[in-house]
């Protein structure tokens, strides 16, 4: 097994994720967010006759996956909303554990041409799948003021979302958005003083969520987890913002991403999972010092009933 994936991306809360999966060496596991392969490598080290199926739609991740020469490993270059379909293609109907690290990989953030980071200038892209038709620039240039207001408020939890939407529409009438700096220049005068970078991150998060349909993808994925997980199988999900964490928490508690828990005729809850962690697991101070990405991570673990 090649170890070249180490420098690519340091997995957040790796030990807690692997422990949460309670890996059976003979079991079948799914890592739906391969990224740099850190979590996948750690799972493979524990398998003896079991199988790991990893997903990532990103081309860089596919190249990274080619370094792993392991008979138990299968890589699917696909969005994890298609998890069930791809498992079926590989003859898998039930799995013993599913891991999802919903964060964007540091490799993607550190590639200026991908347009995910506020630290570099580059194209306003933000597509996880480069074949996708909607980029951040297209969104800013074409969505209505009302749609932009909703996106910034809902997905970025931006306080002055209405003002920002209005400014975007005014600005693009003079010159279309193309580069990251075009957007940063617009944000500078309206960002809260002393909290500029947090504000930029909120706006970028909102755009990224819509460009990649992250909420819809997460909902479809979670609903499939209940269908493919074997009894006592473990679901381990790490999220990085409150919207995602709320959806994961709701799904574990009620079997639905939105809405109330339903009960059967006898008053038993109808839901596929039981929470193992009542509150989300958070990274230690040491890990946060080593890896800033861990600061906002929330890990939830559940077991199939």
C-alpha atoms as a PDB file:
ATOM      1  CA  UNK A   1       0.000   0.000   0.000  1.00  0.00           C
ATOM      2  CA  UNK A   2       1.433   3.347  -1.013  1.00  0.00           C
ATOM      3  CA  UNK A   3       1.716   5.970   1.697  1.00  0.00           C
ATOM      4  CA  UNK A   4       1.968   8.956  -0.635  1.00  0.00           C
ATOM      5  CA  UNK A   5      -1.456  10.166   0.435  1.00  0.00           C
ATOM      6  CA  UNK A   6      -0.080  11.432   3.751  1.00  0.00           C
ATOM      7  CA  UNK A   7       1.043  14.874   2.612  1.00  0.00           C
ATOM      8  CA  UNK A   8      -2.155  15.539   0.696  1.00  0.00           C
ATOM      9  CA  UNK A   9      -4.663  16.048   3.475  1.00  0.00           C
ATOM     10  CA  UNK A  10      -4.521  15.498   7.207  1.00  0.00           C
ATOM     11  CA  UNK A  11      -7.780  13.807   8.205  1.00  0.00           C
ATOM     12  CA  UNK A  12      -9.669  15.479  11.043  1.00  0.00           C
ATOM     13  CA  UNK A  13     -10.361  13.364  14.174  1.00  0.00           C
ATOM     14  CA  UNK A  14      -9.019  10.264  12.446  1.00  0.00           C
ATOM     15  CA  UNK A  15      -8.809   8.098  15.580  1.00  0.00           C
ATOM     16  CA  UNK A  16     -12.367   9.021  16.688  1.00  0.00           C
ATOM     17  CA  UNK A  17     -13.747   8.221  13.207  1.00  0.00           C
ATOM     18  CA  UNK A  18     -12.082   4.810  13.041  1.00  0.00           C
ATOM     19  CA  UNK A  19     -13.095   3.981  16.613  1.00  0.00           C
ATOM     20  CA  UNK A  20     -16.669   5.064  15.848  1.00  0.00           C
ATOM     21  CA  UNK A  21     -16.901   2.616  12.932  1.00  0.00           C
ATOM     22  CA  UNK A  22     -16.034  -0.353  15.207  1.00  0.00           C
ATOM     23  CA  UNK A  23     -14.449  -2.122  12.241  1.00  0.00           C
ATOM     24  CA  UNK A  24     -15.003  -5.840  11.752  1.00  0.00           C
ATOM     25  CA  UNK A  25     -11.969  -7.087   9.747  1.00  0.00           C
ATOM     26  CA  UNK A  26     -14.352  -9.163   7.597  1.00  0.00           C
ATOM     27  CA  UNK A  27     -16.912  -6.376   7.108  1.00  0.00           C
ATOM     28  CA  UNK A  28     -17.813  -4.138   4.179  1.00  0.00           C
ATOM     29  CA  UNK A  29     -17.201  -0.409   4.668  1.00  0.00           C
ATOM     30  CA  UNK A  30     -17.855   2.738   2.688  1.00  0.00           C
ATOM     31  CA  UNK A  31     -15.890   5.988   2.749  1.00  0.00           C
ATOM     32  CA  UNK A  32     -18.042   8.395   0.764  1.00  0.00           C
ATOM     33  CA  UNK A  33     -15.546  11.266   0.874  1.00  0.00           C
ATOM     34  CA  UNK A  34     -12.173   9.817  -0.153  1.00  0.00           C
ATOM     35  CA  UNK A  35     -10.415  13.202  -0.540  1.00  0.00           C
ATOM     36  CA  UNK A  36      -6.740  12.566   0.112  1.00  0.00           C
ATOM     37  CA  UNK A  37      -7.394   9.005   1.263  1.00  0.00           C
ATOM     38  CA  UNK A  38      -6.407   9.412   4.910  1.00  0.00           C
ATOM     39  CA  UNK A  39      -9.555   7.824   6.337  1.00  0.00           C
ATOM     40  CA  UNK A  40      -9.615   5.106   3.652  1.00  0.00           C
ATOM     41  CA  UNK A  41      -6.006   4.105   4.381  1.00  0.00           C
ATOM     42  CA  UNK A  42      -6.777   3.808   8.098  1.00  0.00           C
ATOM     43  CA  UNK A  43      -9.841   1.624   7.401  1.00  0.00           C
ATOM     44  CA  UNK A  44      -7.883  -0.647   5.039  1.00  0.00           C
ATOM     45  CA  UNK A  45      -5.246  -1.240   7.730  1.00  0.00           C
ATOM     46  CA  UNK A  46      -7.953  -2.871   9.867  1.00  0.00           C
ATOM     47  CA  UNK A  47      -9.481  -5.110   7.177  1.00  0.00           C
ATOM     48  CA  UNK A  48      -8.620  -8.811   6.791  1.00  0.00           C
ATOM     49  CA  UNK A  49     -10.863 -10.213   4.093  1.00  0.00           C
ATOM     50  CA  UNK A  50     -13.336  -7.338   4.319  1.00  0.00           C
ATOM     51  CA  UNK A  51     -13.897  -4.695   1.663  1.00  0.00           C
ATOM     52  CA  UNK A  52     -13.734  -0.898   1.389  1.00  0.00           C
ATOM     53  CA  UNK A  53     -15.609   1.057  -1.273  1.00  0.00           C
ATOM     54  CA  UNK A  54     -14.615   4.721  -1.487  1.00  0.00           C
ATOM     55  CA  UNK A  55     -16.319   7.546  -3.360  1.00  0.00           C
ATOM     56  CA  UNK A  56     -15.157  10.908  -4.669  1.00  0.00           C
ATOM     57  CA  UNK A  57     -16.222  12.836  -7.755  1.00  0.00           C
ATOM     58  CA  UNK A  58     -12.996  14.856  -7.791  1.00  0.00           C
ATOM     59  CA  UNK A  59     -10.407  14.041 -10.460  1.00  0.00           C
ATOM     60  CA  UNK A  60      -7.492  14.784  -8.095  1.00  0.00           C
ATOM     61  CA  UNK A  61      -8.951  12.292  -5.606  1.00  0.00           C
ATOM     62  CA  UNK A  62      -9.152   9.632  -8.329  1.00  0.00           C
ATOM     63  CA  UNK A  63      -5.454  10.128  -9.103  1.00  0.00           C
ATOM     64  CA  UNK A  64      -4.735   9.887  -5.385  1.00  0.00           C
ATOM     65  CA  UNK A  65      -6.734   6.639  -5.150  1.00  0.00           C
ATOM     66  CA  UNK A  66      -4.572   5.045  -7.856  1.00  0.00           C
ATOM     67  CA  UNK A  67      -1.698   4.986  -5.337  1.00  0.00           C
ATOM     68  CA  UNK A  68      -3.579   2.495  -3.166  1.00  0.00           C
ATOM     69  CA  UNK A  69      -2.752  -1.037  -4.258  1.00  0.00           C
ATOM     70  CA  UNK A  70      -4.906  -3.160  -1.962  1.00  0.00           C
ATOM     71  CA  UNK A  71      -7.083  -6.136  -2.919  1.00  0.00           C
ATOM     72  CA  UNK A  72      -9.854  -5.019  -0.545  1.00  0.00           C
ATOM     73  CA  UNK A  73     -10.158  -1.527  -2.101  1.00  0.00           C
ATOM     74  CA  UNK A  74     -12.623  -0.293  -4.729  1.00  0.00           C
ATOM     75  CA  UNK A  75     -12.760   3.359  -5.826  1.00  0.00           C
ATOM     76  CA  UNK A  76     -15.842   4.920  -7.438  1.00  0.00           C
ATOM     77  CA  UNK A  77     -15.417   8.302  -9.121  1.00  0.00           C
ATOM     78  CA  UNK A  78     -18.919   9.510  -8.339  1.00  0.00           C
ATOM     79  CA  UNK A  79     -20.881  11.834  -6.101  1.00  0.00           C
ATOM     80  CA  UNK A  80     -21.951  10.041  -2.911  1.00  0.00           C
ATOM     81  CA  UNK A  81     -25.597  10.821  -3.631  1.00  0.00           C
ATOM     82  CA  UNK A  82     -25.277   7.789  -5.960  1.00  0.00           C
ATOM     83  CA  UNK A  83     -23.905   5.544  -3.191  1.00  0.00           C
ATOM     84  CA  UNK A  84     -26.669   2.919  -3.308  1.00  0.00           C
ATOM     85  CA  UNK A  85     -26.527   2.645  -7.097  1.00  0.00           C
ATOM     86  CA  UNK A  86     -22.745   2.117  -7.158  1.00  0.00           C
ATOM     87  CA  UNK A  87     -22.828  -0.377  -4.287  1.00  0.00           C
ATOM     88  CA  UNK A  88     -25.389  -2.368  -6.267  1.00  0.00           C
ATOM     89  CA  UNK A  89     -23.133  -2.270  -9.346  1.00  0.00           C
ATOM     90  CA  UNK A  90     -20.441  -3.896  -7.209  1.00  0.00           C
ATOM     91  CA  UNK A  91     -22.841  -6.532  -5.910  1.00  0.00           C
ATOM     92  CA  UNK A  92     -23.144  -4.988  -2.437  1.00  0.00           C
ATOM     93  CA  UNK A  93     -26.573  -4.693  -0.810  1.00  0.00           C
ATOM     94  CA  UNK A  94     -25.602  -4.326   2.864  1.00  0.00           C
ATOM     95  CA  UNK A  95     -22.606  -2.660   4.511  1.00  0.00           C
ATOM     96  CA  UNK A  96     -21.239  -2.640   8.072  1.00  0.00           C
ATOM     97  CA  UNK A  97     -20.183   0.970   8.273  1.00  0.00           C
ATOM     98  CA  UNK A  98     -20.310   4.273   6.412  1.00  0.00           C
ATOM     99  CA  UNK A  99     -17.965   7.214   6.954  1.00  0.00           C
ATOM    100  CA  UNK A 100     -18.581  10.736   5.619  1.00  0.00           C
ATOM    101  CA  UNK A 101     -16.219  13.677   6.182  1.00  0.00           C
ATOM    102  CA  UNK A 102     -18.261  16.530   4.729  1.00  0.00           C
ATOM    103  CA  UNK A 103     -15.412  19.026   4.788  1.00  0.00           C
ATOM    104  CA  UNK A 104     -13.777  20.244   1.631  1.00  0.00           C
ATOM    105  CA  UNK A 105     -10.286  18.730   1.385  1.00  0.00           C
ATOM    106  CA  UNK A 106      -7.338  20.993   2.130  1.00  0.00           C
ATOM    107  CA  UNK A 107      -5.920  20.024  -1.258  1.00  0.00           C
ATOM    108  CA  UNK A 108      -8.947  21.566  -2.992  1.00  0.00           C
ATOM    109  CA  UNK A 109      -8.729  24.678  -0.810  1.00  0.00           C
ATOM    110  CA  UNK A 110      -5.009  25.050  -1.550  1.00  0.00           C
ATOM    111  CA  UNK A 111      -5.489  24.886  -5.342  1.00  0.00           C
ATOM    112  CA  UNK A 112      -6.065  28.527  -6.436  1.00  0.00           C
ATOM    113  CA  UNK A 113      -7.578  27.468  -9.776  1.00  0.00           C
ATOM    114  CA  UNK A 114     -10.442  25.693  -7.973  1.00  0.00           C
ATOM    115  CA  UNK A 115     -11.680  28.972  -6.479  1.00  0.00           C
ATOM    116  CA  UNK A 116     -12.561  27.651  -3.010  1.00  0.00           C
ATOM    117  CA  UNK A 117     -10.214  29.831  -0.971  1.00  0.00           C
ATOM    118  CA  UNK A 118     -10.292  33.508  -0.073  1.00  0.00           C
ATOM    119  CA  UNK A 119      -6.497  33.410   0.299  1.00  0.00           C
ATOM    120  CA  UNK A 120      -5.634  33.392  -3.400  1.00  0.00           C
ATOM    121  CA  UNK A 121      -6.937  35.068  -6.516  1.00  0.00           C
ATOM    122  CA  UNK A 122      -8.221  32.655  -9.124  1.00  0.00           C
ATOM    123  CA  UNK A 123     -11.402  31.920 -11.072  1.00  0.00           C
ATOM    124  CA  UNK A 124     -14.684  32.065  -9.140  1.00  0.00           C
ATOM    125  CA  UNK A 125     -15.312  28.377  -9.769  1.00  0.00           C
ATOM    126  CA  UNK A 126     -16.023  26.258  -6.631  1.00  0.00           C
ATOM    127  CA  UNK A 127     -17.251  23.189  -8.528  1.00  0.00           C
ATOM    128  CA  UNK A 128     -16.354  19.907  -6.818  1.00  0.00           C
ATOM    129  CA  UNK A 129     -17.200  18.181 -10.094  1.00  0.00           C
ATOM    130  CA  UNK A 130     -15.503  20.139 -12.861  1.00  0.00           C
ATOM    131  CA  UNK A 131     -18.095  18.851 -15.340  1.00  0.00           C
ATOM    132  CA  UNK A 132     -20.886  20.683 -13.448  1.00  0.00           C
ATOM    133  CA  UNK A 133     -22.528  23.545 -15.353  1.00  0.00           C
ATOM    134  CA  UNK A 134     -22.934  26.016 -12.470  1.00  0.00           C
ATOM    135  CA  UNK A 135     -19.873  27.909 -11.205  1.00  0.00           C
ATOM    136  CA  UNK A 136     -19.777  30.570  -8.469  1.00  0.00           C
ATOM    137  CA  UNK A 137     -19.216  33.268 -11.133  1.00  0.00           C
ATOM    138  CA  UNK A 138     -22.269  32.127 -13.125  1.00  0.00           C
ATOM    139  CA  UNK A 139     -24.365  32.137  -9.943  1.00  0.00           C
ATOM    140  CA  UNK A 140     -23.282  35.688  -9.006  1.00  0.00           C
ATOM    141  CA  UNK A 141     -23.800  36.962 -12.555  1.00  0.00           C
ATOM    142  CA  UNK A 142     -27.180  35.374 -13.263  1.00  0.00           C
ATOM    143  CA  UNK A 143     -29.230  34.767 -10.102  1.00  0.00           C
ATOM    144  CA  UNK A 144     -31.840  37.370  -9.168  1.00  0.00           C
ATOM    145  CA  UNK A 145     -31.377  39.721  -6.215  1.00  0.00           C
ATOM    146  CA  UNK A 146     -34.066  37.823  -4.295  1.00  0.00           C
ATOM    147  CA  UNK A 147     -32.377  34.455  -4.931  1.00  0.00           C
ATOM    148  CA  UNK A 148     -28.984  35.846  -3.880  1.00  0.00           C
ATOM    149  CA  UNK A 149     -30.490  37.325  -0.701  1.00  0.00           C
ATOM    150  CA  UNK A 150     -31.892  33.906   0.198  1.00  0.00           C
ATOM    151  CA  UNK A 151     -28.635  32.075  -0.595  1.00  0.00           C
ATOM    152  CA  UNK A 152     -26.444  34.404   1.497  1.00  0.00           C
ATOM    153  CA  UNK A 153     -28.896  34.434   4.395  1.00  0.00           C
ATOM    154  CA  UNK A 154     -29.769  30.761   4.454  1.00  0.00           C
ATOM    155  CA  UNK A 155     -26.516  29.027   3.525  1.00  0.00           C
ATOM    156  CA  UNK A 156     -23.968  31.575   4.719  1.00  0.00           C
ATOM    157  CA  UNK A 157     -25.985  32.876   7.681  1.00  0.00           C
ATOM    158  CA  UNK A 158     -24.760  36.310   6.564  1.00  0.00           C
ATOM    159  CA  UNK A 159     -26.298  39.113   8.675  1.00  0.00           C
ATOM    160  CA  UNK A 160     -26.438  41.740   5.905  1.00  0.00           C
ATOM    161  CA  UNK A 161     -27.540  39.327   3.175  1.00  0.00           C
ATOM    162  CA  UNK A 162     -30.019  41.792   1.641  1.00  0.00           C
ATOM    163  CA  UNK A 163     -27.408  44.563   1.325  1.00  0.00           C
ATOM    164  CA  UNK A 164     -24.910  42.115  -0.147  1.00  0.00           C
ATOM    165  CA  UNK A 165     -27.382  40.795  -2.741  1.00  0.00           C
ATOM    166  CA  UNK A 166     -28.217  44.364  -3.817  1.00  0.00           C
ATOM    167  CA  UNK A 167     -24.511  45.235  -4.184  1.00  0.00           C
ATOM    168  CA  UNK A 168     -23.809  42.107  -6.250  1.00  0.00           C
ATOM    169  CA  UNK A 169     -26.558  43.056  -8.706  1.00  0.00           C
ATOM    170  CA  UNK A 170     -25.307  46.668  -8.944  1.00  0.00           C
ATOM    171  CA  UNK A 171     -21.699  45.587  -9.424  1.00  0.00           C
ATOM    172  CA  UNK A 172     -22.373  43.005 -12.139  1.00  0.00           C
ATOM    173  CA  UNK A 173     -24.251  45.609 -14.192  1.00  0.00           C
ATOM    174  CA  UNK A 174     -20.894  47.440 -14.539  1.00  0.00           C
ATOM    175  CA  UNK A 175     -18.643  44.378 -14.811  1.00  0.00           C
ATOM    176  CA  UNK A 176     -19.339  40.665 -14.630  1.00  0.00           C
ATOM    177  CA  UNK A 177     -17.830  38.630 -11.764  1.00  0.00           C
ATOM    178  CA  UNK A 178     -14.950  36.480 -12.931  1.00  0.00           C
ATOM    179  CA  UNK A 179     -12.159  36.315 -10.337  1.00  0.00           C
ATOM    180  CA  UNK A 180     -12.110  35.783  -6.563  1.00  0.00           C
ATOM    181  CA  UNK A 181     -10.705  39.280  -6.044  1.00  0.00           C
ATOM    182  CA  UNK A 182     -13.726  40.771  -7.852  1.00  0.00           C
ATOM    183  CA  UNK A 183     -15.871  39.372  -5.043  1.00  0.00           C
ATOM    184  CA  UNK A 184     -13.434  40.157  -2.187  1.00  0.00           C
ATOM    185  CA  UNK A 185     -13.245  43.819  -3.311  1.00  0.00           C
ATOM    186  CA  UNK A 186     -17.039  43.997  -3.147  1.00  0.00           C
ATOM    187  CA  UNK A 187     -17.114  42.387   0.326  1.00  0.00           C
ATOM    188  CA  UNK A 188     -14.393  44.504   1.974  1.00  0.00           C
ATOM    189  CA  UNK A 189     -16.475  47.669   2.642  1.00  0.00           C
ATOM    190  CA  UNK A 190     -19.456  45.750   4.079  1.00  0.00           C
ATOM    191  CA  UNK A 191     -17.624  43.091   6.131  1.00  0.00           C
ATOM    192  CA  UNK A 192     -17.900  43.506   9.941  1.00  0.00           C
ATOM    193  CA  UNK A 193     -14.795  45.229  11.244  1.00  0.00           C
ATOM    194  CA  UNK A 194     -12.269  42.800  12.737  1.00  0.00           C
ATOM    195  CA  UNK A 195     -14.255  39.805  11.433  1.00  0.00           C
ATOM    196  CA  UNK A 196     -13.569  40.240   7.722  1.00  0.00           C
ATOM    197  CA  UNK A 197     -12.181  36.754   7.105  1.00  0.00           C
ATOM    198  CA  UNK A 198     -15.051  35.037   8.888  1.00  0.00           C
ATOM    199  CA  UNK A 199     -17.451  37.070   6.743  1.00  0.00           C
ATOM    200  CA  UNK A 200     -15.652  36.138   3.512  1.00  0.00           C
ATOM    201  CA  UNK A 201     -15.762  32.480   4.572  1.00  0.00           C
ATOM    202  CA  UNK A 202     -19.536  32.670   5.192  1.00  0.00           C
ATOM    203  CA  UNK A 203     -20.167  34.145   1.737  1.00  0.00           C
ATOM    204  CA  UNK A 204     -17.895  31.568   0.062  1.00  0.00           C
ATOM    205  CA  UNK A 205     -19.631  28.780   1.989  1.00  0.00           C
ATOM    206  CA  UNK A 206     -23.046  29.938   0.743  1.00  0.00           C
ATOM    207  CA  UNK A 207     -21.875  29.961  -2.879  1.00  0.00           C
ATOM    208  CA  UNK A 208     -20.132  26.587  -2.578  1.00  0.00           C
ATOM    209  CA  UNK A 209     -23.236  24.928  -1.060  1.00  0.00           C
ATOM    210  CA  UNK A 210     -25.448  26.049  -3.953  1.00  0.00           C
ATOM    211  CA  UNK A 211     -22.887  25.397  -6.718  1.00  0.00           C
ATOM    212  CA  UNK A 212     -22.481  21.800  -5.494  1.00  0.00           C
ATOM    213  CA  UNK A 213     -26.099  21.257  -4.296  1.00  0.00           C
ATOM    214  CA  UNK A 214     -24.588  20.149  -1.001  1.00  0.00           C
ATOM    215  CA  UNK A 215     -27.807  20.123   1.043  1.00  0.00           C
ATOM    216  CA  UNK A 216     -29.726  18.039  -1.536  1.00  0.00           C
ATOM    217  CA  UNK A 217     -26.793  15.654  -1.899  1.00  0.00           C
ATOM    218  CA  UNK A 218     -26.505  15.233   1.889  1.00  0.00           C
ATOM    219  CA  UNK A 219     -30.228  14.548   2.251  1.00  0.00           C
ATOM    220  CA  UNK A 220     -30.230  11.892  -0.495  1.00  0.00           C
ATOM    221  CA  UNK A 221     -27.108  10.271   0.957  1.00  0.00           C
ATOM    222  CA  UNK A 222     -28.466  10.121   4.521  1.00  0.00           C
ATOM    223  CA  UNK A 223     -31.734   8.519   3.421  1.00  0.00           C
ATOM    224  CA  UNK A 224     -29.755   5.833   1.553  1.00  0.00           C
ATOM    225  CA  UNK A 225     -27.703   5.055   4.691  1.00  0.00           C
ATOM    226  CA  UNK A 226     -30.722   3.549   6.419  1.00  0.00           C
ATOM    227  CA  UNK A 227     -31.421   1.355   3.383  1.00  0.00           C
ATOM    228  CA  UNK A 228     -27.933  -0.106   2.888  1.00  0.00           C
ATOM    229  CA  UNK A 229     -26.704  -0.414   6.479  1.00  0.00           C
ATOM    230  CA  UNK A 230     -26.735  -3.850   8.097  1.00  0.00           C
ATOM    231  CA  UNK A 231     -28.102  -4.213  11.651  1.00  0.00           C
ATOM    232  CA  UNK A 232     -25.592  -2.869  14.224  1.00  0.00           C
ATOM    233  CA  UNK A 233     -23.668  -1.156  11.412  1.00  0.00           C
ATOM    234  CA  UNK A 234     -22.170   2.241  12.234  1.00  0.00           C
ATOM    235  CA  UNK A 235     -22.766   5.605  10.581  1.00  0.00           C
ATOM    236  CA  UNK A 236     -19.985   8.131  11.258  1.00  0.00           C
ATOM    237  CA  UNK A 237     -20.506  11.658   9.884  1.00  0.00           C
ATOM    238  CA  UNK A 238     -18.317  14.717  10.370  1.00  0.00           C
ATOM    239  CA  UNK A 239     -19.759  18.104   9.427  1.00  0.00           C
ATOM    240  CA  UNK A 240     -18.269  21.588   9.461  1.00  0.00           C
ATOM    241  CA  UNK A 241     -21.186  24.012   9.623  1.00  0.00           C
ATOM    242  CA  UNK A 242     -24.424  24.189  11.564  1.00  0.00           C
ATOM    243  CA  UNK A 243     -26.715  23.512   8.577  1.00  0.00           C
ATOM    244  CA  UNK A 244     -25.072  20.162   7.838  1.00  0.00           C
ATOM    245  CA  UNK A 245     -24.812  19.199  11.489  1.00  0.00           C
ATOM    246  CA  UNK A 246     -28.510  19.955  12.023  1.00  0.00           C
ATOM    247  CA  UNK A 247     -29.469  17.710   9.084  1.00  0.00           C
ATOM    248  CA  UNK A 248     -27.290  14.843  10.339  1.00  0.00           C
ATOM    249  CA  UNK A 249     -28.618  15.214  13.895  1.00  0.00           C
ATOM    250  CA  UNK A 250     -32.251  15.275  12.675  1.00  0.00           C
ATOM    251  CA  UNK A 251     -31.725  12.228  10.500  1.00  0.00           C
ATOM    252  CA  UNK A 252     -30.185  10.220  13.343  1.00  0.00           C
ATOM    253  CA  UNK A 253     -32.917  11.298  15.795  1.00  0.00           C
ATOM    254  CA  UNK A 254     -35.977  11.060  13.537  1.00  0.00           C
ATOM    255  CA  UNK A 255     -35.020   9.182  10.362  1.00  0.00           C
ATOM    256  CA  UNK A 256     -35.753  12.379   8.409  1.00  0.00           C
ATOM    257  CA  UNK A 257     -33.614  15.382   7.568  1.00  0.00           C
ATOM    258  CA  UNK A 258     -36.509  17.770   8.186  1.00  0.00           C
ATOM    259  CA  UNK A 259     -39.684  17.237  10.171  1.00  0.00           C
ATOM    260  CA  UNK A 260     -40.897  15.303  13.179  1.00  0.00           C
ATOM    261  CA  UNK A 261     -40.256  11.761  14.341  1.00  0.00           C
ATOM    262  CA  UNK A 262     -42.990   9.369  13.225  1.00  0.00           C
ATOM    263  CA  UNK A 263     -44.191   6.448  15.355  1.00  0.00           C
ATOM    264  CA  UNK A 264     -45.798   3.172  14.387  1.00  0.00           C
ATOM    265  CA  UNK A 265     -49.195   1.880  15.570  1.00  0.00           C
ATOM    266  CA  UNK A 266     -47.641   0.719  18.875  1.00  0.00           C
ATOM    267  CA  UNK A 267     -45.896   4.032  19.543  1.00  0.00           C
ATOM    268  CA  UNK A 268     -42.422   2.793  18.559  1.00  0.00           C
ATOM    269  CA  UNK A 269     -40.282   5.354  16.750  1.00  0.00           C
ATOM    270  CA  UNK A 270     -39.831   4.715  13.015  1.00  0.00           C
ATOM    271  CA  UNK A 271     -36.175   5.499  12.437  1.00  0.00           C
ATOM    272  CA  UNK A 272     -33.257   3.414  11.234  1.00  0.00           C
ATOM    273  CA  UNK A 273     -30.536   4.629  13.629  1.00  0.00           C
ATOM    274  CA  UNK A 274     -29.859   5.110  17.312  1.00  0.00           C
ATOM    275  CA  UNK A 275     -27.435   7.868  18.337  1.00  0.00           C
ATOM    276  CA  UNK A 276     -24.243   6.591  19.987  1.00  0.00           C
ATOM    277  CA  UNK A 277     -23.027  10.121  20.722  1.00  0.00           C
ATOM    278  CA  UNK A 278     -25.726  12.253  22.327  1.00  0.00           C
ATOM    279  CA  UNK A 279     -23.666  15.366  21.691  1.00  0.00           C
ATOM    280  CA  UNK A 280     -21.269  15.707  18.757  1.00  0.00           C
ATOM    281  CA  UNK A 281     -17.628  14.804  19.350  1.00  0.00           C
ATOM    282  CA  UNK A 282     -15.278  17.766  18.871  1.00  0.00           C
ATOM    283  CA  UNK A 283     -11.547  17.917  18.241  1.00  0.00           C
ATOM    284  CA  UNK A 284      -9.098  18.362  21.111  1.00  0.00           C
ATOM    285  CA  UNK A 285      -7.229  21.635  21.637  1.00  0.00           C
ATOM    286  CA  UNK A 286      -4.028  19.870  20.541  1.00  0.00           C
ATOM    287  CA  UNK A 287      -5.545  18.776  17.239  1.00  0.00           C
ATOM    288  CA  UNK A 288      -6.988  22.233  16.572  1.00  0.00           C
ATOM    289  CA  UNK A 289      -3.518  23.745  17.090  1.00  0.00           C
ATOM    290  CA  UNK A 290      -2.069  21.224  14.626  1.00  0.00           C
ATOM    291  CA  UNK A 291      -4.900  21.376  12.118  1.00  0.00           C
ATOM    292  CA  UNK A 292      -7.060  24.502  11.992  1.00  0.00           C
ATOM    293  CA  UNK A 293      -9.704  22.712   9.905  1.00  0.00           C
ATOM    294  CA  UNK A 294     -10.623  20.684  12.995  1.00  0.00           C
ATOM    295  CA  UNK A 295     -11.906  23.805  14.784  1.00  0.00           C
ATOM    296  CA  UNK A 296     -15.444  23.652  13.390  1.00  0.00           C
ATOM    297  CA  UNK A 297     -15.716  19.853  12.978  1.00  0.00           C
ATOM    298  CA  UNK A 298     -18.594  18.028  14.664  1.00  0.00           C
ATOM    299  CA  UNK A 299     -18.613  14.247  14.628  1.00  0.00           C
ATOM    300  CA  UNK A 300     -21.819  12.224  15.111  1.00  0.00           C
ATOM    301  CA  UNK A 301     -21.957   8.461  15.423  1.00  0.00           C
ATOM    302  CA  UNK A 302     -25.059   6.281  15.139  1.00  0.00           C
ATOM    303  CA  UNK A 303     -25.844   2.549  15.044  1.00  0.00           C
ATOM    304  CA  UNK A 304     -28.376   0.794  12.843  1.00  0.00           C
ATOM    305  CA  UNK A 305     -31.235  -0.513  14.969  1.00  0.00           C
END
